[in-house]
Amino acid sequence: MRLTMRNHKSYTYRASLIRVDNNCAIGDIVDKLGKYEDICDDPEKLKKMMQEKGIPEQ
């Protein structure tokens, strides 16, 4: 389950605090969490990044 969603036509993310209302958290921490969630959703992208960084698979 994702905690973040991408802002429309942007490279930033938001984390909804209240689903009924439009209140949400934004900022660097939420952007980093959103990027992390994107990587975890795509295992092939994660493998490619690990190979580029020289990180051995476990």
N, C-alpha and C. Protein backbone atom coordinates (compact mmCIF):
# COMPACT_ATOMS: atom_id res chain seq x y z
N MET A 1 0.84 -1.18 0.00
CA MET A 1 0.00 0.00 0.00
C MET A 1 0.88 1.24 0.00
N ARG A 2 0.63 2.11 -0.93
CA ARG A 2 1.40 3.35 -1.04
C ARG A 2 0.91 4.39 -0.04
N LEU A 3 1.84 5.16 0.46
CA LEU A 3 1.51 6.28 1.35
C LEU A 3 1.51 7.60 0.59
N THR A 4 2.13 7.60 -0.60
CA THR A 4 2.27 8.84 -1.35
C THR A 4 1.61 8.73 -2.71
N MET A 5 1.39 9.87 -3.33
CA MET A 5 0.91 9.94 -4.71
C MET A 5 1.64 11.10 -5.39
N ARG A 6 1.88 10.94 -6.69
CA ARG A 6 2.59 11.97 -7.44
C ARG A 6 1.67 13.17 -7.68
N ASN A 7 2.23 14.37 -7.53
CA ASN A 7 1.50 15.58 -7.88
C ASN A 7 1.35 15.63 -9.40
N HIS A 8 0.27 16.18 -9.87
CA HIS A 8 -0.04 16.21 -11.29
C HIS A 8 1.09 16.84 -12.10
N LYS A 9 1.55 16.15 -13.14
CA LYS A 9 2.57 16.65 -14.08
C LYS A 9 3.78 17.24 -13.36
N SER A 10 4.24 16.56 -12.32
CA SER A 10 5.34 17.06 -11.52
C SER A 10 6.20 15.90 -11.06
N TYR A 11 7.39 16.21 -10.57
CA TYR A 11 8.27 15.19 -10.01
C TYR A 11 8.24 15.22 -8.49
N THR A 12 7.20 15.83 -7.92
CA THR A 12 7.05 15.87 -6.48
C THR A 12 5.88 14.99 -6.07
N TYR A 13 5.82 14.69 -4.78
CA TYR A 13 4.80 13.79 -4.25
C TYR A 13 4.06 14.46 -3.10
N ARG A 14 2.94 13.86 -2.71
CA ARG A 14 2.21 14.31 -1.52
C ARG A 14 1.73 13.08 -0.77
N ALA A 15 1.58 13.23 0.53
CA ALA A 15 1.06 12.16 1.37
C ALA A 15 -0.21 12.67 2.03
N SER A 16 -1.32 12.04 1.72
CA SER A 16 -2.60 12.48 2.28
C SER A 16 -2.68 12.14 3.75
N LEU A 17 -3.03 13.12 4.54
CA LEU A 17 -3.21 12.90 5.97
C LEU A 17 -4.67 12.59 6.28
N ILE A 18 -5.56 13.24 5.55
CA ILE A 18 -7.00 13.03 5.72
C ILE A 18 -7.57 12.73 4.35
N ARG A 19 -8.10 11.54 4.15
CA ARG A 19 -8.58 11.12 2.83
C ARG A 19 -9.83 11.89 2.39
N VAL A 20 -10.69 12.26 3.31
CA VAL A 20 -11.94 12.92 2.96
C VAL A 20 -11.68 14.35 2.52
N ASP A 21 -10.78 15.01 3.22
CA ASP A 21 -10.47 16.40 2.94
C ASP A 21 -9.29 16.47 1.98
N ASN A 22 -8.86 17.65 1.61
CA ASN A 22 -7.73 17.79 0.71
C ASN A 22 -6.47 18.21 1.46
N ASN A 23 -6.40 17.89 2.76
CA ASN A 23 -5.21 18.20 3.54
C ASN A 23 -4.15 17.15 3.25
N CYS A 24 -2.91 17.59 3.02
CA CYS A 24 -1.86 16.62 2.74
C CYS A 24 -0.51 17.18 3.16
N ALA A 25 0.45 16.29 3.33
CA ALA A 25 1.82 16.67 3.67
C ALA A 25 2.63 16.71 2.39
N ILE A 26 3.52 17.71 2.28
CA ILE A 26 4.39 17.83 1.11
C ILE A 26 5.80 18.18 1.60
N GLY A 27 6.76 18.08 0.72
CA GLY A 27 8.12 18.47 1.08
C GLY A 27 9.14 17.41 0.71
N ASP A 28 10.40 17.67 1.09
CA ASP A 28 11.51 16.79 0.72
C ASP A 28 11.33 15.37 1.24
N ILE A 29 10.88 15.22 2.46
CA ILE A 29 10.71 13.88 3.04
C ILE A 29 9.67 13.09 2.25
N VAL A 30 8.57 13.72 1.92
CA VAL A 30 7.51 13.04 1.16
C VAL A 30 8.00 12.71 -0.24
N ASP A 31 8.78 13.60 -0.87
CA ASP A 31 9.34 13.33 -2.19
C ASP A 31 10.26 12.11 -2.16
N LYS A 32 11.11 12.02 -1.13
CA LYS A 32 12.01 10.87 -1.00
C LYS A 32 11.23 9.58 -0.79
N LEU A 33 10.20 9.62 0.04
CA LEU A 33 9.36 8.44 0.27
C LEU A 33 8.67 8.02 -1.02
N GLY A 34 8.16 8.98 -1.78
CA GLY A 34 7.50 8.67 -3.04
C GLY A 34 8.44 8.02 -4.05
N LYS A 35 9.67 8.53 -4.14
CA LYS A 35 10.65 7.94 -5.04
C LYS A 35 11.00 6.52 -4.60
N TYR A 36 11.14 6.32 -3.30
CA TYR A 36 11.41 4.98 -2.77
C TYR A 36 10.28 4.02 -3.11
N GLU A 37 9.05 4.48 -2.95
CA GLU A 37 7.90 3.63 -3.27
C GLU A 37 7.85 3.30 -4.76
N ASP A 38 8.23 4.25 -5.62
CA ASP A 38 8.30 3.99 -7.06
C ASP A 38 9.29 2.88 -7.37
N ILE A 39 10.46 2.93 -6.73
CA ILE A 39 11.48 1.92 -6.96
C ILE A 39 11.00 0.54 -6.49
N CYS A 40 10.37 0.50 -5.32
CA CYS A 40 9.91 -0.78 -4.78
C CYS A 40 8.77 -1.37 -5.60
N ASP A 41 8.01 -0.54 -6.29
CA ASP A 41 6.92 -1.02 -7.13
C ASP A 41 7.43 -1.67 -8.42
N ASP A 42 8.67 -1.36 -8.80
CA ASP A 42 9.23 -1.87 -10.05
C ASP A 42 10.54 -2.60 -9.76
N PRO A 43 10.48 -3.92 -9.53
CA PRO A 43 11.69 -4.68 -9.18
C PRO A 43 12.78 -4.62 -10.26
N GLU A 44 12.38 -4.54 -11.53
CA GLU A 44 13.37 -4.47 -12.61
C GLU A 44 14.15 -3.16 -12.53
N LYS A 45 13.48 -2.08 -12.22
CA LYS A 45 14.13 -0.78 -12.07
C LYS A 45 15.12 -0.82 -10.90
N LEU A 46 14.73 -1.49 -9.82
CA LEU A 46 15.60 -1.62 -8.66
C LEU A 46 16.84 -2.43 -9.02
N LYS A 47 16.68 -3.55 -9.75
CA LYS A 47 17.82 -4.37 -10.17
C LYS A 47 18.79 -3.56 -11.03
N LYS A 48 18.24 -2.79 -11.96
CA LYS A 48 19.08 -1.99 -12.85
C LYS A 48 19.88 -0.95 -12.06
N MET A 49 19.23 -0.30 -11.10
CA MET A 49 19.91 0.69 -10.27
C MET A 49 21.02 0.05 -9.45
N MET A 50 20.76 -1.15 -8.93
CA MET A 50 21.77 -1.84 -8.14
C MET A 50 22.98 -2.20 -9.00
N GLN A 51 22.74 -2.64 -10.23
CA GLN A 51 23.83 -2.98 -11.13
C GLN A 51 24.65 -1.74 -11.49
N GLU A 52 23.97 -0.62 -11.72
CA GLU A 52 24.67 0.62 -12.05
C GLU A 52 25.56 1.10 -10.89
N LYS A 53 25.09 0.89 -9.66
CA LYS A 53 25.84 1.33 -8.48
C LYS A 53 26.87 0.31 -8.03
N GLY A 54 26.84 -0.89 -8.65
CA GLY A 54 27.79 -1.93 -8.27
C GLY A 54 27.44 -2.63 -6.97
N ILE A 55 26.18 -2.64 -6.62
CA ILE A 55 25.71 -3.29 -5.40
C ILE A 55 25.36 -4.73 -5.74
N PRO A 56 25.99 -5.72 -5.07
CA PRO A 56 25.69 -7.12 -5.38
C PRO A 56 24.28 -7.52 -4.92
N GLU A 57 23.64 -8.39 -5.70
CA GLU A 57 22.31 -8.89 -5.32
C GLU A 57 22.47 -9.85 -4.15
N GLN A 58 21.48 -9.88 -3.29
CA GLN A 58 21.52 -10.79 -2.13
C GLN A 58 20.48 -11.85 -2.27
